[in-house]
Amino acid sequence: MCFNKLGIGNIEGIAPDSENTMIGEITISTLTPHYSKIIVLFDNDQPGITAAKRYKEKYNIDYMILDMSKDLSDSVKDYGIETVRDRLLILLKENLNT
């Protein structure tokens, strides 16, 4: 929902039940062929960062940390759409070029 509000298209989001519940291997292996890149974006707190690193270790999926507020929607509320979009686009470009 936030990506739509930010005006960033060509992105689909899925989410596990929580950052402590990993998306299963079958789901990951089903999704991987359909996308040029999968990037994890969780909350900017210790549980979120730890979960993102687990995806990197287990599935070799890159992650990005939006180092603003706790999560994407809070960042929009605290910093505004334009600021968050600009920062997020930089992170996306960095991750898409790796």
PDB file of N, CA and C in Angstrom:
ATOM      1  N   MET A   1       0.816  -1.184   0.000  1.00  0.00           N
ATOM      2  CA  MET A   1       0.000   0.000   0.000  1.00  0.00           C
ATOM      3  C   MET A   1       0.868   1.259   0.000  1.00  0.00           C
ATOM      4  N   CYS A   2       1.929   1.263   0.807  1.00  0.00           N
ATOM      5  CA  CYS A   2       2.799   2.444   0.855  1.00  0.00           C
ATOM      6  C   CYS A   2       3.495   2.684  -0.470  1.00  0.00           C
ATOM      7  N   PHE A   3       3.909   1.624  -1.172  1.00  0.00           N
ATOM      8  CA  PHE A   3       4.571   1.814  -2.461  1.00  0.00           C
ATOM      9  C   PHE A   3       3.630   2.517  -3.439  1.00  0.00           C
ATOM     10  N   ASN A   4       2.351   2.145  -3.435  1.00  0.00           N
ATOM     11  CA  ASN A   4       1.370   2.824  -4.290  1.00  0.00           C
ATOM     12  C   ASN A   4       1.241   4.294  -3.903  1.00  0.00           C
ATOM     13  N   LYS A   5       1.160   4.555  -2.614  1.00  0.00           N
ATOM     14  CA  LYS A   5       1.039   5.925  -2.121  1.00  0.00           C
ATOM     15  C   LYS A   5       2.279   6.736  -2.493  1.00  0.00           C
ATOM     16  N   LEU A   6       3.446   6.081  -2.516  1.00  0.00           N
ATOM     17  CA  LEU A   6       4.693   6.753  -2.872  1.00  0.00           C
ATOM     18  C   LEU A   6       4.840   6.942  -4.376  1.00  0.00           C
ATOM     19  N   GLY A   7       3.967   6.310  -5.145  1.00  0.00           N
ATOM     20  CA  GLY A   7       4.045   6.426  -6.588  1.00  0.00           C
ATOM     21  C   GLY A   7       5.159   5.598  -7.196  1.00  0.00           C
ATOM     22  N   ILE A   8       5.550   4.552  -6.510  1.00  0.00           N
ATOM     23  CA  ILE A   8       6.594   3.654  -7.015  1.00  0.00           C
ATOM     24  C   ILE A   8       5.899   2.430  -7.580  1.00  0.00           C
ATOM     25  N   GLY A   9       5.928   2.306  -8.892  1.00  0.00           N
ATOM     26  CA  GLY A   9       5.270   1.192  -9.551  1.00  0.00           C
ATOM     27  C   GLY A   9       6.233   0.051  -9.799  1.00  0.00           C
ATOM     28  N   ASN A  10       5.720  -0.978 -10.419  1.00  0.00           N
ATOM     29  CA  ASN A  10       6.518  -2.136 -10.792  1.00  0.00           C
ATOM     30  C   ASN A  10       7.139  -2.838  -9.582  1.00  0.00           C
ATOM     31  N   ILE A  11       6.474  -2.728  -8.449  1.00  0.00           N
ATOM     32  CA  ILE A  11       6.920  -3.397  -7.225  1.00  0.00           C
ATOM     33  C   ILE A  11       5.726  -4.129  -6.646  1.00  0.00           C
ATOM     34  N   GLU A  12       5.956  -5.356  -6.239  1.00  0.00           N
ATOM     35  CA  GLU A  12       4.926  -6.109  -5.536  1.00  0.00           C
ATOM     36  C   GLU A  12       5.454  -6.432  -4.149  1.00  0.00           C
ATOM     37  N   GLY A  13       4.580  -6.419  -3.199  1.00  0.00           N
ATOM     38  CA  GLY A  13       4.984  -6.722  -1.834  1.00  0.00           C
ATOM     39  C   GLY A  13       4.249  -7.925  -1.293  1.00  0.00           C
ATOM     40  N   ILE A  14       4.993  -8.735  -0.591  1.00  0.00           N
ATOM     41  CA  ILE A  14       4.390  -9.817   0.187  1.00  0.00           C
ATOM     42  C   ILE A  14       4.989  -9.737   1.586  1.00  0.00           C
ATOM     43  N   ALA A  15       4.303 -10.280   2.531  1.00  0.00           N
ATOM     44  CA  ALA A  15       4.786 -10.189   3.906  1.00  0.00           C
ATOM     45  C   ALA A  15       4.504 -11.487   4.655  1.00  0.00           C
ATOM     46  N   PRO A  16       5.462 -11.895   5.459  1.00  0.00           N
ATOM     47  CA  PRO A  16       5.187 -13.034   6.343  1.00  0.00           C
ATOM     48  C   PRO A  16       4.247 -12.588   7.462  1.00  0.00           C
ATOM     49  N   ASP A  17       3.778 -13.530   8.251  1.00  0.00           N
ATOM     50  CA  ASP A  17       2.894 -13.188   9.365  1.00  0.00           C
ATOM     51  C   ASP A  17       3.568 -12.218  10.328  1.00  0.00           C
ATOM     52  N   SER A  18       4.871 -12.388  10.504  1.00  0.00           N
ATOM     53  CA  SER A  18       5.665 -11.485  11.333  1.00  0.00           C
ATOM     54  C   SER A  18       7.120 -11.623  10.903  1.00  0.00           C
ATOM     55  N   GLU A  19       7.956 -10.736  11.409  1.00  0.00           N
ATOM     56  CA  GLU A  19       9.374 -10.819  11.078  1.00  0.00           C
ATOM     57  C   GLU A  19      10.021 -12.060  11.685  1.00  0.00           C
ATOM     58  N   ASN A  20       9.356 -12.677  12.651  1.00  0.00           N
ATOM     59  CA  ASN A  20       9.878 -13.893  13.280  1.00  0.00           C
ATOM     60  C   ASN A  20       9.462 -15.151  12.538  1.00  0.00           C
ATOM     61  N   THR A  21       8.611 -15.011  11.516  1.00  0.00           N
ATOM     62  CA  THR A  21       8.153 -16.139  10.719  1.00  0.00           C
ATOM     63  C   THR A  21       8.698 -15.977   9.307  1.00  0.00           C
ATOM     64  N   MET A  22       9.558 -16.889   8.899  1.00  0.00           N
ATOM     65  CA  MET A  22      10.136 -16.791   7.561  1.00  0.00           C
ATOM     66  C   MET A  22       9.189 -17.369   6.518  1.00  0.00           C
ATOM     67  N   ILE A  23       9.198 -16.757   5.349  1.00  0.00           N
ATOM     68  CA  ILE A  23       8.462 -17.309   4.217  1.00  0.00           C
ATOM     69  C   ILE A  23       9.174 -18.599   3.821  1.00  0.00           C
ATOM     70  N   GLY A  24       8.414 -19.645   3.563  1.00  0.00           N
ATOM     71  CA  GLY A  24       8.978 -20.967   3.322  1.00  0.00           C
ATOM     72  C   GLY A  24       9.734 -21.099   2.008  1.00  0.00           C
ATOM     73  N   GLU A  25      10.574 -22.110   1.954  1.00  0.00           N
ATOM     74  CA  GLU A  25      11.396 -22.354   0.762  1.00  0.00           C
ATOM     75  C   GLU A  25      10.555 -22.586  -0.492  1.00  0.00           C
ATOM     76  N   ILE A  26       9.440 -23.280  -0.350  1.00  0.00           N
ATOM     77  CA  ILE A  26       8.592 -23.551  -1.513  1.00  0.00           C
ATOM     78  C   ILE A  26       8.058 -22.235  -2.081  1.00  0.00           C
ATOM     79  N   THR A  27       7.611 -21.348  -1.237  1.00  0.00           N
ATOM     80  CA  THR A  27       7.096 -20.056  -1.699  1.00  0.00           C
ATOM     81  C   THR A  27       8.210 -19.237  -2.349  1.00  0.00           C
ATOM     82  N   ILE A  28       9.367 -19.205  -1.725  1.00  0.00           N
ATOM     83  CA  ILE A  28      10.499 -18.453  -2.277  1.00  0.00           C
ATOM     84  C   ILE A  28      10.894 -19.025  -3.638  1.00  0.00           C
ATOM     85  N   SER A  29      10.979 -20.344  -3.739  1.00  0.00           N
ATOM     86  CA  SER A  29      11.383 -20.946  -5.010  1.00  0.00           C
ATOM     87  C   SER A  29      10.313 -20.766  -6.088  1.00  0.00           C
ATOM     88  N   THR A  30       9.064 -20.612  -5.683  1.00  0.00           N
ATOM     89  CA  THR A  30       7.989 -20.342  -6.634  1.00  0.00           C
ATOM     90  C   THR A  30       8.049 -18.894  -7.121  1.00  0.00           C
ATOM     91  N   LEU A  31       8.384 -17.967  -6.249  1.00  0.00           N
ATOM     92  CA  LEU A  31       8.418 -16.550  -6.605  1.00  0.00           C
ATOM     93  C   LEU A  31       9.657 -16.166  -7.413  1.00  0.00           C
ATOM     94  N   THR A  32      10.778 -16.746  -7.084  1.00  0.00           N
ATOM     95  CA  THR A  32      12.067 -16.331  -7.652  1.00  0.00           C
ATOM     96  C   THR A  32      12.087 -16.272  -9.180  1.00  0.00           C
ATOM     97  N   PRO A  33      11.568 -17.265  -9.906  1.00  0.00           N
ATOM     98  CA  PRO A  33      11.642 -17.187 -11.364  1.00  0.00           C
ATOM     99  C   PRO A  33      10.792 -16.078 -11.992  1.00  0.00           C
ATOM    100  N   HIS A  34       9.863 -15.541 -11.233  1.00  0.00           N
ATOM    101  CA  HIS A  34       8.940 -14.544 -11.777  1.00  0.00           C
ATOM    102  C   HIS A  34       9.427 -13.105 -11.638  1.00  0.00           C
ATOM    103  N   TYR A  35      10.540 -12.908 -10.955  1.00  0.00           N
ATOM    104  CA  TYR A  35      11.022 -11.554 -10.688  1.00  0.00           C
ATOM    105  C   TYR A  35      12.495 -11.442 -11.028  1.00  0.00           C
ATOM    106  N   SER A  36      12.870 -10.264 -11.512  1.00  0.00           N
ATOM    107  CA  SER A  36      14.282 -10.042 -11.814  1.00  0.00           C
ATOM    108  C   SER A  36      15.091  -9.855 -10.535  1.00  0.00           C
ATOM    109  N   LYS A  37      14.439  -9.415  -9.466  1.00  0.00           N
ATOM    110  CA  LYS A  37      15.129  -9.216  -8.191  1.00  0.00           C
ATOM    111  C   LYS A  37      14.116  -9.257  -7.069  1.00  0.00           C
ATOM    112  N   ILE A  38      14.489  -9.891  -5.979  1.00  0.00           N
ATOM    113  CA  ILE A  38      13.682  -9.881  -4.761  1.00  0.00           C
ATOM    114  C   ILE A  38      14.519  -9.200  -3.694  1.00  0.00           C
ATOM    115  N   ILE A  39      13.911  -8.240  -3.009  1.00  0.00           N
ATOM    116  CA  ILE A  39      14.600  -7.481  -1.969  1.00  0.00           C
ATOM    117  C   ILE A  39      13.712  -7.460  -0.733  1.00  0.00           C
ATOM    118  N   VAL A  40      14.318  -7.700   0.409  1.00  0.00           N
ATOM    119  CA  VAL A  40      13.594  -7.690   1.673  1.00  0.00           C
ATOM    120  C   VAL A  40      13.646  -6.286   2.273  1.00  0.00           C
ATOM    121  N   LEU A  41      12.499  -5.806   2.750  1.00  0.00           N
ATOM    122  CA  LEU A  41      12.404  -4.542   3.472  1.00  0.00           C
ATOM    123  C   LEU A  41      11.521  -4.767   4.695  1.00  0.00           C
ATOM    124  N   PHE A  42      12.171  -4.835   5.842  1.00  0.00           N
ATOM    125  CA  PHE A  42      11.445  -4.991   7.104  1.00  0.00           C
ATOM    126  C   PHE A  42      11.588  -3.712   7.920  1.00  0.00           C
ATOM    127  N   ASP A  43      11.060  -3.728   9.135  1.00  0.00           N
ATOM    128  CA  ASP A  43      11.160  -2.574  10.020  1.00  0.00           C
ATOM    129  C   ASP A  43      12.621  -2.240  10.316  1.00  0.00           C
ATOM    130  N   ASN A  44      12.846  -0.977  10.603  1.00  0.00           N
ATOM    131  CA  ASN A  44      14.165  -0.479  10.948  1.00  0.00           C
ATOM    132  C   ASN A  44      14.358  -0.580  12.466  1.00  0.00           C
ATOM    133  N   ASP A  45      14.277  -1.791  12.972  1.00  0.00           N
ATOM    134  CA  ASP A  45      14.571  -2.064  14.377  1.00  0.00           C
ATOM    135  C   ASP A  45      15.333  -3.381  14.427  1.00  0.00           C
ATOM    136  N   GLN A  46      15.806  -3.758  15.600  1.00  0.00           N
ATOM    137  CA  GLN A  46      16.650  -4.952  15.681  1.00  0.00           C
ATOM    138  C   GLN A  46      15.966  -6.215  15.173  1.00  0.00           C
ATOM    139  N   PRO A  47      14.707  -6.488  15.542  1.00  0.00           N
ATOM    140  CA  PRO A  47      14.058  -7.681  14.985  1.00  0.00           C
ATOM    141  C   PRO A  47      13.946  -7.641  13.454  1.00  0.00           C
ATOM    142  N   GLY A  48      13.648  -6.473  12.896  1.00  0.00           N
ATOM    143  CA  GLY A  48      13.540  -6.348  11.449  1.00  0.00           C
ATOM    144  C   GLY A  48      14.870  -6.555  10.749  1.00  0.00           C
ATOM    145  N   ILE A  49      15.918  -5.969  11.293  1.00  0.00           N
ATOM    146  CA  ILE A  49      17.251  -6.110  10.706  1.00  0.00           C
ATOM    147  C   ILE A  49      17.734  -7.552  10.812  1.00  0.00           C
ATOM    148  N   THR A  50      17.493  -8.181  11.957  1.00  0.00           N
ATOM    149  CA  THR A  50      17.873  -9.585  12.147  1.00  0.00           C
ATOM    150  C   THR A  50      17.132 -10.481  11.160  1.00  0.00           C
ATOM    151  N   ALA A  51      15.839 -10.237  10.979  1.00  0.00           N
ATOM    152  CA  ALA A  51      15.047 -11.042  10.039  1.00  0.00           C
ATOM    153  C   ALA A  51      15.553 -10.857   8.614  1.00  0.00           C
ATOM    154  N   ALA A  52      15.864  -9.631   8.228  1.00  0.00           N
ATOM    155  CA  ALA A  52      16.373  -9.374   6.880  1.00  0.00           C
ATOM    156  C   ALA A  52      17.678 -10.125   6.650  1.00  0.00           C
ATOM    157  N   LYS A  53      18.544 -10.130   7.640  1.00  0.00           N
ATOM    158  CA  LYS A  53      19.819 -10.848   7.515  1.00  0.00           C
ATOM    159  C   LYS A  53      19.596 -12.357   7.403  1.00  0.00           C
ATOM    160  N   ARG A  54      18.553 -12.874   8.047  1.00  0.00           N
ATOM    161  CA  ARG A  54      18.246 -14.307   7.929  1.00  0.00           C
ATOM    162  C   ARG A  54      17.846 -14.668   6.503  1.00  0.00           C
ATOM    163  N   TYR A  55      17.104 -13.795   5.832  1.00  0.00           N
ATOM    164  CA  TYR A  55      16.743 -14.047   4.431  1.00  0.00           C
ATOM    165  C   TYR A  55      17.981 -14.043   3.544  1.00  0.00           C
ATOM    166  N   LYS A  56      18.910 -13.167   3.848  1.00  0.00           N
ATOM    167  CA  LYS A  56      20.157 -13.123   3.081  1.00  0.00           C
ATOM    168  C   LYS A  56      20.940 -14.424   3.283  1.00  0.00           C
ATOM    169  N   GLU A  57      21.036 -14.859   4.521  1.00  0.00           N
ATOM    170  CA  GLU A  57      21.778 -16.086   4.834  1.00  0.00           C
ATOM    171  C   GLU A  57      21.110 -17.322   4.254  1.00  0.00           C
ATOM    172  N   LYS A  58      19.805 -17.437   4.415  1.00  0.00           N
ATOM    173  CA  LYS A  58      19.107 -18.658   4.008  1.00  0.00           C
ATOM    174  C   LYS A  58      18.828 -18.712   2.505  1.00  0.00           C
ATOM    175  N   TYR A  59      18.397 -17.582   1.921  1.00  0.00           N
ATOM    176  CA  TYR A  59      17.953 -17.590   0.526  1.00  0.00           C
ATOM    177  C   TYR A  59      18.830 -16.737  -0.404  1.00  0.00           C
ATOM    178  N   ASN A  60      19.826 -16.088   0.148  1.00  0.00           N
ATOM    179  CA  ASN A  60      20.671 -15.159  -0.608  1.00  0.00           C
ATOM    180  C   ASN A  60      19.837 -14.041  -1.247  1.00  0.00           C
ATOM    181  N   ILE A  61      18.865 -13.560  -0.495  1.00  0.00           N
ATOM    182  CA  ILE A  61      18.018 -12.452  -0.928  1.00  0.00           C
ATOM    183  C   ILE A  61      18.556 -11.177  -0.277  1.00  0.00           C
ATOM    184  N   ASP A  62      18.827 -10.185  -1.114  1.00  0.00           N
ATOM    185  CA  ASP A  62      19.328  -8.919  -0.596  1.00  0.00           C
ATOM    186  C   ASP A  62      18.255  -8.225   0.225  1.00  0.00           C
ATOM    187  N   TYR A  63      18.705  -7.334   1.079  1.00  0.00           N
ATOM    188  CA  TYR A  63      17.768  -6.551   1.886  1.00  0.00           C
ATOM    189  C   TYR A  63      18.210  -5.098   1.894  1.00  0.00           C
ATOM    190  N   MET A  64      17.282  -4.247   2.222  1.00  0.00           N
ATOM    191  CA  MET A  64      17.601  -2.843   2.397  1.00  0.00           C
ATOM    192  C   MET A  64      16.976  -2.360   3.691  1.00  0.00           C
ATOM    193  N   ILE A  65      17.653  -1.391   4.299  1.00  0.00           N
ATOM    194  CA  ILE A  65      17.191  -0.817   5.553  1.00  0.00           C
ATOM    195  C   ILE A  65      16.860   0.645   5.293  1.00  0.00           C
ATOM    196  N   LEU A  66      15.606   0.998   5.463  1.00  0.00           N
ATOM    197  CA  LEU A  66      15.183   2.386   5.353  1.00  0.00           C
ATOM    198  C   LEU A  66      15.428   3.023   6.712  1.00  0.00           C
ATOM    199  N   ASP A  67      16.554   3.710   6.829  1.00  0.00           N
ATOM    200  CA  ASP A  67      17.012   4.205   8.134  1.00  0.00           C
ATOM    201  C   ASP A  67      16.383   5.545   8.507  1.00  0.00           C
ATOM    202  N   MET A  68      15.077   5.527   8.503  1.00  0.00           N
ATOM    203  CA  MET A  68      14.333   6.733   8.888  1.00  0.00           C
ATOM    204  C   MET A  68      13.573   6.394  10.174  1.00  0.00           C
ATOM    205  N   SER A  69      12.281   6.184  10.082  1.00  0.00           N
ATOM    206  CA  SER A  69      11.479   5.792  11.247  1.00  0.00           C
ATOM    207  C   SER A  69      11.419   4.272  11.328  1.00  0.00           C
ATOM    208  N   LYS A  70      10.641   3.759  12.265  1.00  0.00           N
ATOM    209  CA  LYS A  70      10.597   2.318  12.503  1.00  0.00           C
ATOM    210  C   LYS A  70      10.202   1.516  11.268  1.00  0.00           C
ATOM    211  N   ASP A  71       9.239   2.006  10.506  1.00  0.00           N
ATOM    212  CA  ASP A  71       8.807   1.279   9.314  1.00  0.00           C
ATOM    213  C   ASP A  71       8.450   2.265   8.208  1.00  0.00           C
ATOM    214  N   LEU A  72       8.076   1.734   7.071  1.00  0.00           N
ATOM    215  CA  LEU A  72       7.816   2.563   5.901  1.00  0.00           C
ATOM    216  C   LEU A  72       6.676   3.548   6.144  1.00  0.00           C
ATOM    217  N   SER A  73       5.579   3.083   6.709  1.00  0.00           N
ATOM    218  CA  SER A  73       4.436   3.987   6.908  1.00  0.00           C
ATOM    219  C   SER A  73       4.748   5.067   7.944  1.00  0.00           C
ATOM    220  N   ASP A  74       5.488   4.726   8.996  1.00  0.00           N
ATOM    221  CA  ASP A  74       5.895   5.743   9.973  1.00  0.00           C
ATOM    222  C   ASP A  74       6.840   6.760   9.338  1.00  0.00           C
ATOM    223  N   SER A  75       7.707   6.287   8.447  1.00  0.00           N
ATOM    224  CA  SER A  75       8.624   7.200   7.760  1.00  0.00           C
ATOM    225  C   SER A  75       7.857   8.211   6.926  1.00  0.00           C
ATOM    226  N   VAL A  76       6.813   7.748   6.225  1.00  0.00           N
ATOM    227  CA  VAL A  76       5.988   8.658   5.436  1.00  0.00           C
ATOM    228  C   VAL A  76       5.317   9.676   6.358  1.00  0.00           C
ATOM    229  N   LYS A  77       4.797   9.212   7.468  1.00  0.00           N
ATOM    230  CA  LYS A  77       4.122  10.107   8.419  1.00  0.00           C
ATOM    231  C   LYS A  77       5.113  11.129   8.994  1.00  0.00           C
ATOM    232  N   ASP A  78       6.332  10.677   9.323  1.00  0.00           N
ATOM    233  CA  ASP A  78       7.310  11.542   9.984  1.00  0.00           C
ATOM    234  C   ASP A  78       8.074  12.466   9.033  1.00  0.00           C
ATOM    235  N   TYR A  79       8.332  12.014   7.805  1.00  0.00           N
ATOM    236  CA  TYR A  79       9.198  12.770   6.895  1.00  0.00           C
ATOM    237  C   TYR A  79       8.504  13.261   5.628  1.00  0.00           C
ATOM    238  N   GLY A  80       7.345  12.729   5.329  1.00  0.00           N
ATOM    239  CA  GLY A  80       6.629  13.132   4.125  1.00  0.00           C
ATOM    240  C   GLY A  80       6.920  12.210   2.950  1.00  0.00           C
ATOM    241  N   ILE A  81       5.992  12.184   2.026  1.00  0.00           N
ATOM    242  CA  ILE A  81       6.049  11.272   0.883  1.00  0.00           C
ATOM    243  C   ILE A  81       7.289  11.513   0.026  1.00  0.00           C
ATOM    244  N   GLU A  82       7.563  12.763  -0.305  1.00  0.00           N
ATOM    245  CA  GLU A  82       8.667  13.051  -1.225  1.00  0.00           C
ATOM    246  C   GLU A  82      10.014  12.625  -0.656  1.00  0.00           C
ATOM    247  N   THR A  83      10.263  12.930   0.607  1.00  0.00           N
ATOM    248  CA  THR A  83      11.536  12.581   1.242  1.00  0.00           C
ATOM    249  C   THR A  83      11.722  11.072   1.296  1.00  0.00           C
ATOM    250  N   VAL A  84      10.673  10.364   1.674  1.00  0.00           N
ATOM    251  CA  VAL A  84      10.762   8.903   1.762  1.00  0.00           C
ATOM    252  C   VAL A  84      10.927   8.299   0.365  1.00  0.00           C
ATOM    253  N   ARG A  85      10.171   8.793  -0.607  1.00  0.00           N
ATOM    254  CA  ARG A  85      10.291   8.284  -1.966  1.00  0.00           C
ATOM    255  C   ARG A  85      11.722   8.477  -2.487  1.00  0.00           C
ATOM    256  N   ASP A  86      12.290   9.656  -2.275  1.00  0.00           N
ATOM    257  CA  ASP A  86      13.656   9.918  -2.740  1.00  0.00           C
ATOM    258  C   ASP A  86      14.650   8.955  -2.101  1.00  0.00           C
ATOM    259  N   ARG A  87      14.539   8.754  -0.796  1.00  0.00           N
ATOM    260  CA  ARG A  87      15.459   7.850  -0.090  1.00  0.00           C
ATOM    261  C   ARG A  87      15.244   6.408  -0.539  1.00  0.00           C
ATOM    262  N   LEU A  88      13.992   6.012  -0.689  1.00  0.00           N
ATOM    263  CA  LEU A  88      13.674   4.641  -1.092  1.00  0.00           C
ATOM    264  C   LEU A  88      14.156   4.362  -2.517  1.00  0.00           C
ATOM    265  N   LEU A  89      14.013   5.323  -3.408  1.00  0.00           N
ATOM    266  CA  LEU A  89      14.491   5.138  -4.778  1.00  0.00           C
ATOM    267  C   LEU A  89      16.012   4.959  -4.821  1.00  0.00           C
ATOM    268  N   ILE A  90      16.725   5.670  -3.977  1.00  0.00           N
ATOM    269  CA  ILE A  90      18.186   5.489  -3.890  1.00  0.00           C
ATOM    270  C   ILE A  90      18.496   4.075  -3.429  1.00  0.00           C
ATOM    271  N   LEU A  91      17.822   3.620  -2.388  1.00  0.00           N
ATOM    272  CA  LEU A  91      18.055   2.253  -1.890  1.00  0.00           C
ATOM    273  C   LEU A  91      17.715   1.203  -2.939  1.00  0.00           C
ATOM    274  N   LEU A  92      16.612   1.395  -3.628  1.00  0.00           N
ATOM    275  CA  LEU A  92      16.217   0.443  -4.667  1.00  0.00           C
ATOM    276  C   LEU A  92      17.250   0.401  -5.783  1.00  0.00           C
ATOM    277  N   LYS A  93      17.709   1.552  -6.235  1.00  0.00           N
ATOM    278  CA  LYS A  93      18.726   1.586  -7.297  1.00  0.00           C
ATOM    279  C   LYS A  93      20.007   0.901  -6.854  1.00  0.00           C
ATOM    280  N   GLU A  94      20.419   1.156  -5.607  1.00  0.00           N
ATOM    281  CA  GLU A  94      21.623   0.495  -5.086  1.00  0.00           C
ATOM    282  C   GLU A  94      21.461  -1.023  -5.107  1.00  0.00           C
ATOM    283  N   ASN A  95      20.297  -1.487  -4.679  1.00  0.00           N
ATOM    284  CA  ASN A  95      20.063  -2.931  -4.606  1.00  0.00           C
ATOM    285  C   ASN A  95      19.846  -3.557  -5.965  1.00  0.00           C
ATOM    286  N   LEU A  96      19.281  -2.837  -6.896  1.00  0.00           N
ATOM    287  CA  LEU A  96      19.055  -3.391  -8.223  1.00  0.00           C
ATOM    288  C   LEU A  96      20.348  -3.482  -9.023  1.00  0.00           C
ATOM    289  N   ASN A  97      21.333  -2.711  -8.641  1.00  0.00           N
ATOM    290  CA  ASN A  97      22.615  -2.716  -9.343  1.00  0.00           C
ATOM    291  C   ASN A  97      23.609  -3.688  -8.736  1.00  0.00           C
ATOM    292  N   THR A  98      23.200  -4.458  -7.746  1.00  0.00           N
ATOM    293  CA  THR A  98      24.128  -5.426  -7.139  1.00  0.00           C
ATOM    294  C   THR A  98      23.905  -6.796  -7.731  1.00  0.00           C
TER     295      THR A  98
END
